Amino acid sequence: KLREITSPMITKLLAELLEKGGGGGRALYAAREEFI
């Protein structure tokens, strides 16, 4: 909920994006064994 979102929560979120990234990465596809 909007009232539950705090400054420390935002700080942690930004730090994780800076360190680990995640989301928005390049999508790659590999054929499955049954399809091969």
PDB file of all heavy atoms in Angstrom:
ATOM      1  N   LYS A   1       0.853  -1.182   0.000  1.00  0.00           N
ATOM      2  CA  LYS A   1       0.000   0.000   0.000  1.00  0.00           C
ATOM      3  C   LYS A   1       0.891   1.234   0.000  1.00  0.00           C
ATOM      4  O   LYS A   1       2.021   1.198   0.487  1.00  0.00           O
ATOM      5  CB  LYS A   1      -0.904  -0.004   1.233  1.00  0.00           C
ATOM      6  CG  LYS A   1      -1.909  -1.149   1.239  1.00  0.00           C
ATOM      7  CD  LYS A   1      -2.762  -1.124   2.494  1.00  0.00           C
ATOM      8  CE  LYS A   1      -3.759  -2.288   2.487  1.00  0.00           C
ATOM      9  NZ  LYS A   1      -4.582  -2.319   3.712  1.00  0.00           N
ATOM     10  N   LEU A   2       0.379   2.326  -0.541  1.00  0.00           N
ATOM     11  CA  LEU A   2       1.192   3.535  -0.666  1.00  0.00           C
ATOM     12  C   LEU A   2       1.736   4.001   0.682  1.00  0.00           C
ATOM     13  O   LEU A   2       2.887   4.414   0.783  1.00  0.00           O
ATOM     14  CB  LEU A   2       0.356   4.652  -1.317  1.00  0.00           C
ATOM     15  CG  LEU A   2       0.055   4.475  -2.813  1.00  0.00           C
ATOM     16  CD1 LEU A   2      -0.871   5.580  -3.296  1.00  0.00           C
ATOM     17  CD2 LEU A   2       1.323   4.445  -3.638  1.00  0.00           C
ATOM     18  N   ARG A   3       0.914   3.904   1.714  1.00  0.00           N
ATOM     19  CA  ARG A   3       1.349   4.392   3.016  1.00  0.00           C
ATOM     20  C   ARG A   3       2.386   3.474   3.655  1.00  0.00           C
ATOM     21  O   ARG A   3       3.020   3.842   4.647  1.00  0.00           O
ATOM     22  CB  ARG A   3       0.148   4.561   3.940  1.00  0.00           C
ATOM     23  CG  ARG A   3      -0.594   3.277   4.263  1.00  0.00           C
ATOM     24  CD  ARG A   3      -1.798   3.579   5.118  1.00  0.00           C
ATOM     25  NE  ARG A   3      -2.551   2.373   5.468  1.00  0.00           N
ATOM     26  CZ  ARG A   3      -3.689   2.400   6.162  1.00  0.00           C
ATOM     27  NH1 ARG A   3      -4.180   3.571   6.557  1.00  0.00           N
ATOM     28  NH2 ARG A   3      -4.336   1.295   6.447  1.00  0.00           N
ATOM     29  N   GLU A   4       2.557   2.246   3.106  1.00  0.00           N
ATOM     30  CA  GLU A   4       3.540   1.308   3.638  1.00  0.00           C
ATOM     31  C   GLU A   4       4.935   1.503   3.034  1.00  0.00           C
ATOM     32  O   GLU A   4       5.914   0.973   3.537  1.00  0.00           O
ATOM     33  CB  GLU A   4       3.087  -0.133   3.370  1.00  0.00           C
ATOM     34  CG  GLU A   4       1.815  -0.522   4.100  1.00  0.00           C
ATOM     35  CD  GLU A   4       1.305  -1.893   3.701  1.00  0.00           C
ATOM     36  OE1 GLU A   4       1.702  -2.381   2.608  1.00  0.00           O
ATOM     37  OE2 GLU A   4       0.514  -2.484   4.455  1.00  0.00           O
ATOM     38  N   ILE A   5       5.009   2.249   1.949  1.00  0.00           N
ATOM     39  CA  ILE A   5       6.291   2.431   1.257  1.00  0.00           C
ATOM     40  C   ILE A   5       7.071   3.544   1.947  1.00  0.00           C
ATOM     41  O   ILE A   5       6.609   4.684   2.042  1.00  0.00           O
ATOM     42  CB  ILE A   5       6.062   2.764  -0.228  1.00  0.00           C
ATOM     43  CG1 ILE A   5       5.305   1.605  -0.898  1.00  0.00           C
ATOM     44  CG2 ILE A   5       7.390   3.012  -0.942  1.00  0.00           C
ATOM     45  CD1 ILE A   5       4.929   1.862  -2.335  1.00  0.00           C
ATOM     46  N   THR A   6       8.256   3.219   2.425  1.00  0.00           N
ATOM     47  CA  THR A   6       9.057   4.160   3.209  1.00  0.00           C
ATOM     48  C   THR A   6      10.367   4.495   2.490  1.00  0.00           C
ATOM     49  O   THR A   6      10.764   3.826   1.532  1.00  0.00           O
ATOM     50  CB  THR A   6       9.394   3.559   4.581  1.00  0.00           C
ATOM     51  OG1 THR A   6      10.179   2.354   4.378  1.00  0.00           O
ATOM     52  CG2 THR A   6       8.119   3.208   5.347  1.00  0.00           C
ATOM     53  N   SER A   7      11.042   5.508   3.005  1.00  0.00           N
ATOM     54  CA  SER A   7      12.333   5.909   2.441  1.00  0.00           C
ATOM     55  C   SER A   7      13.374   4.790   2.526  1.00  0.00           C
ATOM     56  O   SER A   7      14.093   4.534   1.548  1.00  0.00           O
ATOM     57  CB  SER A   7      12.841   7.171   3.133  1.00  0.00           C
ATOM     58  OG  SER A   7      11.974   8.252   2.890  1.00  0.00           O
ATOM     59  N   PRO A   8      13.516   4.078   3.668  1.00  0.00           N
ATOM     60  CA  PRO A   8      14.466   2.960   3.716  1.00  0.00           C
ATOM     61  C   PRO A   8      14.155   1.873   2.692  1.00  0.00           C
ATOM     62  O   PRO A   8      15.065   1.258   2.138  1.00  0.00           O
ATOM     63  CB  PRO A   8      14.302   2.427   5.147  1.00  0.00           C
ATOM     64  CG  PRO A   8      13.832   3.597   5.934  1.00  0.00           C
ATOM     65  CD  PRO A   8      12.926   4.347   5.001  1.00  0.00           C
ATOM     66  N   MET A   9      12.875   1.637   2.424  1.00  0.00           N
ATOM     67  CA  MET A   9      12.485   0.647   1.428  1.00  0.00           C
ATOM     68  C   MET A   9      12.958   1.076   0.035  1.00  0.00           C
ATOM     69  O   MET A   9      13.464   0.256  -0.748  1.00  0.00           O
ATOM     70  CB  MET A   9      10.956   0.472   1.446  1.00  0.00           C
ATOM     71  CG  MET A   9      10.452  -0.665   0.567  1.00  0.00           C
ATOM     72  SD  MET A   9       8.634  -0.722   0.524  1.00  0.00           S
ATOM     73  CE  MET A   9       8.289  -1.052   2.249  1.00  0.00           C
ATOM     74  N   ILE A  10      12.800   2.360  -0.258  1.00  0.00           N
ATOM     75  CA  ILE A  10      13.246   2.891  -1.553  1.00  0.00           C
ATOM     76  C   ILE A  10      14.766   2.804  -1.657  1.00  0.00           C
ATOM     77  O   ILE A  10      15.319   2.437  -2.703  1.00  0.00           O
ATOM     78  CB  ILE A  10      12.793   4.349  -1.734  1.00  0.00           C
ATOM     79  CG1 ILE A  10      11.266   4.463  -1.674  1.00  0.00           C
ATOM     80  CG2 ILE A  10      13.314   4.917  -3.053  1.00  0.00           C
ATOM     81  CD1 ILE A  10      10.539   3.743  -2.763  1.00  0.00           C
ATOM     82  N   THR A  11      15.462   3.122  -0.566  1.00  0.00           N
ATOM     83  CA  THR A  11      16.931   3.051  -0.550  1.00  0.00           C
ATOM     84  C   THR A  11      17.397   1.636  -0.872  1.00  0.00           C
ATOM     85  O   THR A  11      18.319   1.432  -1.678  1.00  0.00           O
ATOM     86  CB  THR A  11      17.476   3.485   0.819  1.00  0.00           C
ATOM     87  OG1 THR A  11      17.120   4.844   1.059  1.00  0.00           O
ATOM     88  CG2 THR A  11      18.986   3.333   0.875  1.00  0.00           C
ATOM     89  N   LYS A  12      16.761   0.634  -0.250  1.00  0.00           N
ATOM     90  CA  LYS A  12      17.132  -0.760  -0.480  1.00  0.00           C
ATOM     91  C   LYS A  12      16.862  -1.166  -1.924  1.00  0.00           C
ATOM     92  O   LYS A  12      17.685  -1.850  -2.564  1.00  0.00           O
ATOM     93  CB  LYS A  12      16.343  -1.661   0.477  1.00  0.00           C
ATOM     94  CG  LYS A  12      16.698  -3.135   0.351  1.00  0.00           C
ATOM     95  CD  LYS A  12      15.871  -3.981   1.316  1.00  0.00           C
ATOM     96  CE  LYS A  12      16.204  -5.465   1.156  1.00  0.00           C
ATOM     97  NZ  LYS A  12      15.379  -6.303   2.060  1.00  0.00           N
ATOM     98  N   LEU A  13      15.733  -0.740  -2.463  1.00  0.00           N
ATOM     99  CA  LEU A  13      15.374  -1.067  -3.838  1.00  0.00           C
ATOM    100  C   LEU A  13      16.409  -0.514  -4.819  1.00  0.00           C
ATOM    101  O   LEU A  13      16.879  -1.217  -5.719  1.00  0.00           O
ATOM    102  CB  LEU A  13      13.987  -0.502  -4.155  1.00  0.00           C
ATOM    103  CG  LEU A  13      13.388  -0.777  -5.537  1.00  0.00           C
ATOM    104  CD1 LEU A  13      11.873  -0.800  -5.439  1.00  0.00           C
ATOM    105  CD2 LEU A  13      13.808   0.269  -6.556  1.00  0.00           C
ATOM    106  N   LEU A  14      16.785   0.757  -4.654  1.00  0.00           N
ATOM    107  CA  LEU A  14      17.750   1.391  -5.553  1.00  0.00           C
ATOM    108  C   LEU A  14      19.121   0.733  -5.446  1.00  0.00           C
ATOM    109  O   LEU A  14      19.824   0.559  -6.455  1.00  0.00           O
ATOM    110  CB  LEU A  14      17.852   2.891  -5.246  1.00  0.00           C
ATOM    111  CG  LEU A  14      16.557   3.695  -5.434  1.00  0.00           C
ATOM    112  CD1 LEU A  14      16.778   5.147  -5.034  1.00  0.00           C
ATOM    113  CD2 LEU A  14      16.074   3.615  -6.879  1.00  0.00           C
ATOM    114  N   ALA A  15      19.500   0.355  -4.223  1.00  0.00           N
ATOM    115  CA  ALA A  15      20.800  -0.302  -4.019  1.00  0.00           C
ATOM    116  C   ALA A  15      20.837  -1.660  -4.718  1.00  0.00           C
ATOM    117  O   ALA A  15      21.857  -2.038  -5.316  1.00  0.00           O
ATOM    118  CB  ALA A  15      21.078  -0.466  -2.529  1.00  0.00           C
ATOM    119  N   GLU A  16      19.723  -2.400  -4.668  1.00  0.00           N
ATOM    120  CA  GLU A  16      19.660  -3.707  -5.322  1.00  0.00           C
ATOM    121  C   GLU A  16      19.749  -3.564  -6.842  1.00  0.00           C
ATOM    122  O   GLU A  16      20.416  -4.361  -7.513  1.00  0.00           O
ATOM    123  CB  GLU A  16      18.365  -4.419  -4.937  1.00  0.00           C
ATOM    124  CG  GLU A  16      18.352  -4.939  -3.507  1.00  0.00           C
ATOM    125  CD  GLU A  16      17.039  -5.615  -3.157  1.00  0.00           C
ATOM    126  OE1 GLU A  16      16.103  -5.545  -3.982  1.00  0.00           O
ATOM    127  OE2 GLU A  16      16.936  -6.193  -2.060  1.00  0.00           O
ATOM    128  N   LEU A  17      19.076  -2.559  -7.382  1.00  0.00           N
ATOM    129  CA  LEU A  17      19.140  -2.331  -8.823  1.00  0.00           C
ATOM    130  C   LEU A  17      20.563  -1.972  -9.252  1.00  0.00           C
ATOM    131  O   LEU A  17      21.038  -2.404 -10.312  1.00  0.00           O
ATOM    132  CB  LEU A  17      18.182  -1.204  -9.224  1.00  0.00           C
ATOM    133  CG  LEU A  17      16.684  -1.507  -9.111  1.00  0.00           C
ATOM    134  CD1 LEU A  17      15.868  -0.267  -9.418  1.00  0.00           C
ATOM    135  CD2 LEU A  17      16.292  -2.637 -10.056  1.00  0.00           C
ATOM    136  N   LEU A  18      21.217  -1.194  -8.421  1.00  0.00           N
ATOM    137  CA  LEU A  18      22.575  -0.757  -8.734  1.00  0.00           C
ATOM    138  C   LEU A  18      23.554  -1.920  -8.667  1.00  0.00           C
ATOM    139  O   LEU A  18      24.488  -2.012  -9.475  1.00  0.00           O
ATOM    140  CB  LEU A  18      22.995   0.339  -7.754  1.00  0.00           C
ATOM    141  CG  LEU A  18      24.237   1.170  -8.106  1.00  0.00           C
ATOM    142  CD1 LEU A  18      24.029   1.914  -9.411  1.00  0.00           C
ATOM    143  CD2 LEU A  18      24.529   2.158  -6.991  1.00  0.00           C
ATOM    144  N   GLU A  19      23.328  -2.840  -7.720  1.00  0.00           N
ATOM    145  CA  GLU A  19      24.268  -3.942  -7.511  1.00  0.00           C
ATOM    146  C   GLU A  19      23.956  -5.164  -8.370  1.00  0.00           C
ATOM    147  O   GLU A  19      24.860  -5.776  -8.952  1.00  0.00           O
ATOM    148  CB  GLU A  19      24.238  -4.357  -6.035  1.00  0.00           C
ATOM    149  CG  GLU A  19      25.200  -5.491  -5.710  1.00  0.00           C
ATOM    150  CD  GLU A  19      25.122  -5.918  -4.253  1.00  0.00           C
ATOM    151  OE1 GLU A  19      24.375  -5.271  -3.486  1.00  0.00           O
ATOM    152  OE2 GLU A  19      25.790  -6.893  -3.888  1.00  0.00           O
ATOM    153  N   LYS A  20      22.667  -5.498  -8.473  1.00  0.00           N
ATOM    154  CA  LYS A  20      22.300  -6.752  -9.135  1.00  0.00           C
ATOM    155  C   LYS A  20      21.528  -6.563 -10.432  1.00  0.00           C
ATOM    156  O   LYS A  20      21.430  -7.498 -11.238  1.00  0.00           O
ATOM    157  CB  LYS A  20      21.458  -7.614  -8.184  1.00  0.00           C
ATOM    158  CG  LYS A  20      22.154  -7.940  -6.867  1.00  0.00           C
ATOM    159  CD  LYS A  20      21.234  -8.730  -5.954  1.00  0.00           C
ATOM    160  CE  LYS A  20      21.900  -9.019  -4.612  1.00  0.00           C
ATOM    161  NZ  LYS A  20      20.995  -9.734  -3.694  1.00  0.00           N
ATOM    162  N   GLY A  21      20.957  -5.392 -10.615  1.00  0.00           N
ATOM    163  CA  GLY A  21      20.139  -5.190 -11.807  1.00  0.00           C
ATOM    164  C   GLY A  21      18.862  -5.976 -11.694  1.00  0.00           C
ATOM    165  O   GLY A  21      18.198  -5.984 -10.659  1.00  0.00           O
ATOM    166  N   GLY A  22      18.513  -6.682 -12.770  1.00  0.00           N
ATOM    167  CA  GLY A  22      17.294  -7.492 -12.738  1.00  0.00           C
ATOM    168  C   GLY A  22      16.166  -6.805 -13.458  1.00  0.00           C
ATOM    169  O   GLY A  22      16.001  -5.595 -13.386  1.00  0.00           O
ATOM    170  N   GLY A  23      15.399  -7.588 -14.197  1.00  0.00           N
ATOM    171  CA  GLY A  23      14.311  -7.030 -14.977  1.00  0.00           C
ATOM    172  C   GLY A  23      14.861  -6.260 -16.151  1.00  0.00           C
ATOM    173  O   GLY A  23      15.926  -5.665 -16.090  1.00  0.00           O
ATOM    174  N   GLY A  24      14.185  -6.285 -17.250  1.00  0.00           N
ATOM    175  CA  GLY A  24      14.602  -5.503 -18.395  1.00  0.00           C
ATOM    176  C   GLY A  24      15.814  -6.054 -19.108  1.00  0.00           C
ATOM    177  O   GLY A  24      16.343  -5.434 -20.019  1.00  0.00           O
ATOM    178  N   GLY A  25      16.301  -7.232 -18.679  1.00  0.00           N
ATOM    179  CA  GLY A  25      17.451  -7.819 -19.342  1.00  0.00           C
ATOM    180  C   GLY A  25      17.082  -8.344 -20.724  1.00  0.00           C
ATOM    181  O   GLY A  25      15.920  -8.428 -21.100  1.00  0.00           O
ATOM    182  N   ARG A  26      18.100  -8.717 -21.476  1.00  0.00           N
ATOM    183  CA  ARG A  26      17.866  -9.210 -22.826  1.00  0.00           C
ATOM    184  C   ARG A  26      17.272 -10.609 -22.762  1.00  0.00           C
ATOM    185  O   ARG A  26      17.778 -11.480 -22.055  1.00  0.00           O
ATOM    186  CB  ARG A  26      19.173  -9.231 -23.604  1.00  0.00           C
ATOM    187  CG  ARG A  26      19.002  -9.663 -25.053  1.00  0.00           C
ATOM    188  CD  ARG A  26      20.347  -9.800 -25.722  1.00  0.00           C
ATOM    189  NE  ARG A  26      20.194 -10.328 -27.057  1.00  0.00           N
ATOM    190  CZ  ARG A  26      21.177 -10.804 -27.787  1.00  0.00           C
ATOM    191  NH1 ARG A  26      22.401 -10.811 -27.292  1.00  0.00           N
ATOM    192  NH2 ARG A  26      20.974 -11.253 -29.005  1.00  0.00           N
ATOM    193  N   ALA A  27      16.204 -10.844 -23.510  1.00  0.00           N
ATOM    194  CA  ALA A  27      15.556 -12.155 -23.545  1.00  0.00           C
ATOM    195  C   ALA A  27      16.211 -13.021 -24.608  1.00  0.00           C
ATOM    196  O   ALA A  27      16.354 -12.604 -25.765  1.00  0.00           O
ATOM    197  CB  ALA A  27      14.062 -12.008 -23.823  1.00  0.00           C
ATOM    198  N   LEU A  28      16.642 -14.212 -24.232  1.00  0.00           N
ATOM    199  CA  LEU A  28      17.238 -15.169 -25.152  1.00  0.00           C
ATOM    200  C   LEU A  28      16.407 -16.446 -25.138  1.00  0.00           C
ATOM    201  O   LEU A  28      15.767 -16.771 -24.131  1.00  0.00           O
ATOM    202  CB  LEU A  28      18.685 -15.465 -24.759  1.00  0.00           C
ATOM    203  CG  LEU A  28      19.659 -14.275 -24.822  1.00  0.00           C
ATOM    204  CD1 LEU A  28      21.017 -14.674 -24.282  1.00  0.00           C
ATOM    205  CD2 LEU A  28      19.781 -13.756 -26.242  1.00  0.00           C
ATOM    206  N   TYR A  29      16.448 -17.177 -26.237  1.00  0.00           N
ATOM    207  CA  TYR A  29      15.619 -18.376 -26.362  1.00  0.00           C
ATOM    208  C   TYR A  29      16.484 -19.563 -26.789  1.00  0.00           C
ATOM    209  O   TYR A  29      17.339 -19.434 -27.672  1.00  0.00           O
ATOM    210  CB  TYR A  29      14.499 -18.145 -27.387  1.00  0.00           C
ATOM    211  CG  TYR A  29      13.491 -17.117 -26.941  1.00  0.00           C
ATOM    212  CD1 TYR A  29      13.779 -15.756 -27.016  1.00  0.00           C
ATOM    213  CD2 TYR A  29      12.258 -17.496 -26.414  1.00  0.00           C
ATOM    214  CE1 TYR A  29      12.862 -14.805 -26.596  1.00  0.00           C
ATOM    215  CE2 TYR A  29      11.332 -16.553 -25.996  1.00  0.00           C
ATOM    216  CZ  TYR A  29      11.645 -15.208 -26.086  1.00  0.00           C
ATOM    217  OH  TYR A  29      10.739 -14.275 -25.668  1.00  0.00           O
ATOM    218  N   ALA A  30      16.249 -20.713 -26.154  1.00  0.00           N
ATOM    219  CA  ALA A  30      16.973 -21.942 -26.487  1.00  0.00           C
ATOM    220  C   ALA A  30      15.959 -23.045 -26.771  1.00  0.00           C
ATOM    221  O   ALA A  30      15.004 -23.232 -26.009  1.00  0.00           O
ATOM    222  CB  ALA A  30      17.900 -22.358 -25.343  1.00  0.00           C
ATOM    223  N   ALA A  31      16.147 -23.764 -27.878  1.00  0.00           N
ATOM    224  CA  ALA A  31      15.206 -24.824 -28.270  1.00  0.00           C
ATOM    225  C   ALA A  31      15.192 -25.942 -27.224  1.00  0.00           C
ATOM    226  O   ALA A  31      16.233 -26.367 -26.728  1.00  0.00           O
ATOM    227  CB  ALA A  31      15.599 -25.381 -29.627  1.00  0.00           C
ATOM    228  N   ARG A  32      13.991 -26.405 -26.899  1.00  0.00           N
ATOM    229  CA  ARG A  32      13.844 -27.505 -25.942  1.00  0.00           C
ATOM    230  C   ARG A  32      14.196 -28.840 -26.624  1.00  0.00           C
ATOM    231  O   ARG A  32      14.133 -28.952 -27.858  1.00  0.00           O
ATOM    232  CB  ARG A  32      12.414 -27.549 -25.404  1.00  0.00           C
ATOM    233  CG  ARG A  32      11.983 -26.272 -24.682  1.00  0.00           C
ATOM    234  CD  ARG A  32      10.550 -26.381 -24.210  1.00  0.00           C
ATOM    235  NE  ARG A  32      10.064 -25.129 -23.657  1.00  0.00           N
ATOM    236  CZ  ARG A  32      10.215 -24.754 -22.384  1.00  0.00           C
ATOM    237  NH1 ARG A  32      10.827 -25.577 -21.538  1.00  0.00           N
ATOM    238  NH2 ARG A  32       9.729 -23.600 -21.959  1.00  0.00           N
ATOM    239  N   GLU A  33      14.552 -29.837 -25.815  1.00  0.00           N
ATOM    240  CA  GLU A  33      14.997 -31.127 -26.352  1.00  0.00           C
ATOM    241  C   GLU A  33      13.944 -31.767 -27.251  1.00  0.00           C
ATOM    242  O   GLU A  33      14.251 -32.298 -28.324  1.00  0.00           O
ATOM    243  CB  GLU A  33      15.345 -32.077 -25.204  1.00  0.00           C
ATOM    244  CG  GLU A  33      16.633 -31.709 -24.465  1.00  0.00           C
ATOM    245  CD  GLU A  33      16.999 -32.756 -23.422  1.00  0.00           C
ATOM    246  OE1 GLU A  33      16.397 -33.854 -23.446  1.00  0.00           O
ATOM    247  OE2 GLU A  33      17.894 -32.484 -22.603  1.00  0.00           O
ATOM    248  N   GLU A  34      12.662 -31.720 -26.813  1.00  0.00           N
ATOM    249  CA  GLU A  34      11.606 -32.357 -27.597  1.00  0.00           C
ATOM    250  C   GLU A  34      11.397 -31.642 -28.943  1.00  0.00           C
ATOM    251  O   GLU A  34      11.038 -32.266 -29.954  1.00  0.00           O
ATOM    252  CB  GLU A  34      10.286 -32.414 -26.811  1.00  0.00           C
ATOM    253  CG  GLU A  34       9.813 -31.085 -26.249  1.00  0.00           C
ATOM    254  CD  GLU A  34      10.356 -30.795 -24.859  1.00  0.00           C
ATOM    255  OE1 GLU A  34      11.457 -31.293 -24.526  1.00  0.00           O
ATOM    256  OE2 GLU A  34       9.681 -30.062 -24.123  1.00  0.00           O
ATOM    257  N   PHE A  35      11.649 -30.321 -28.939  1.00  0.00           N
ATOM    258  CA  PHE A  35      11.500 -29.573 -30.190  1.00  0.00           C
ATOM    259  C   PHE A  35      12.672 -29.875 -31.128  1.00  0.00           C
ATOM    260  O   PHE A  35      12.494 -29.981 -32.351  1.00  0.00           O
ATOM    261  CB  PHE A  35      11.419 -28.076 -29.902  1.00  0.00           C
ATOM    262  CG  PHE A  35      11.199 -27.241 -31.145  1.00  0.00           C
ATOM    263  CD1 PHE A  35      10.026 -27.347 -31.871  1.00  0.00           C
ATOM    264  CD2 PHE A  35      12.164 -26.356 -31.580  1.00  0.00           C
ATOM    265  CE1 PHE A  35       9.817 -26.591 -33.020  1.00  0.00           C
ATOM    266  CE2 PHE A  35      11.971 -25.584 -32.718  1.00  0.00           C
ATOM    267  CZ  PHE A  35      10.792 -25.701 -33.440  1.00  0.00           C
ATOM    268  N   ILE A  36      13.867 -30.007 -30.559  1.00  0.00           N
ATOM    269  CA  ILE A  36      15.035 -30.369 -31.366  1.00  0.00           C
ATOM    270  C   ILE A  36      14.810 -31.738 -32.013  1.00  0.00           C
ATOM    271  O   ILE A  36      15.133 -31.961 -33.189  1.00  0.00           O
ATOM    272  CB  ILE A  36      16.313 -30.373 -30.499  1.00  0.00           C
ATOM    273  CG1 ILE A  36      16.629 -28.951 -30.022  1.00  0.00           C
ATOM    274  CG2 ILE A  36      17.494 -30.952 -31.277  1.00  0.00           C
ATOM    275  CD1 ILE A  36      17.789 -28.866 -29.060  1.00  0.00           C
TER     276      ILE A  36
END
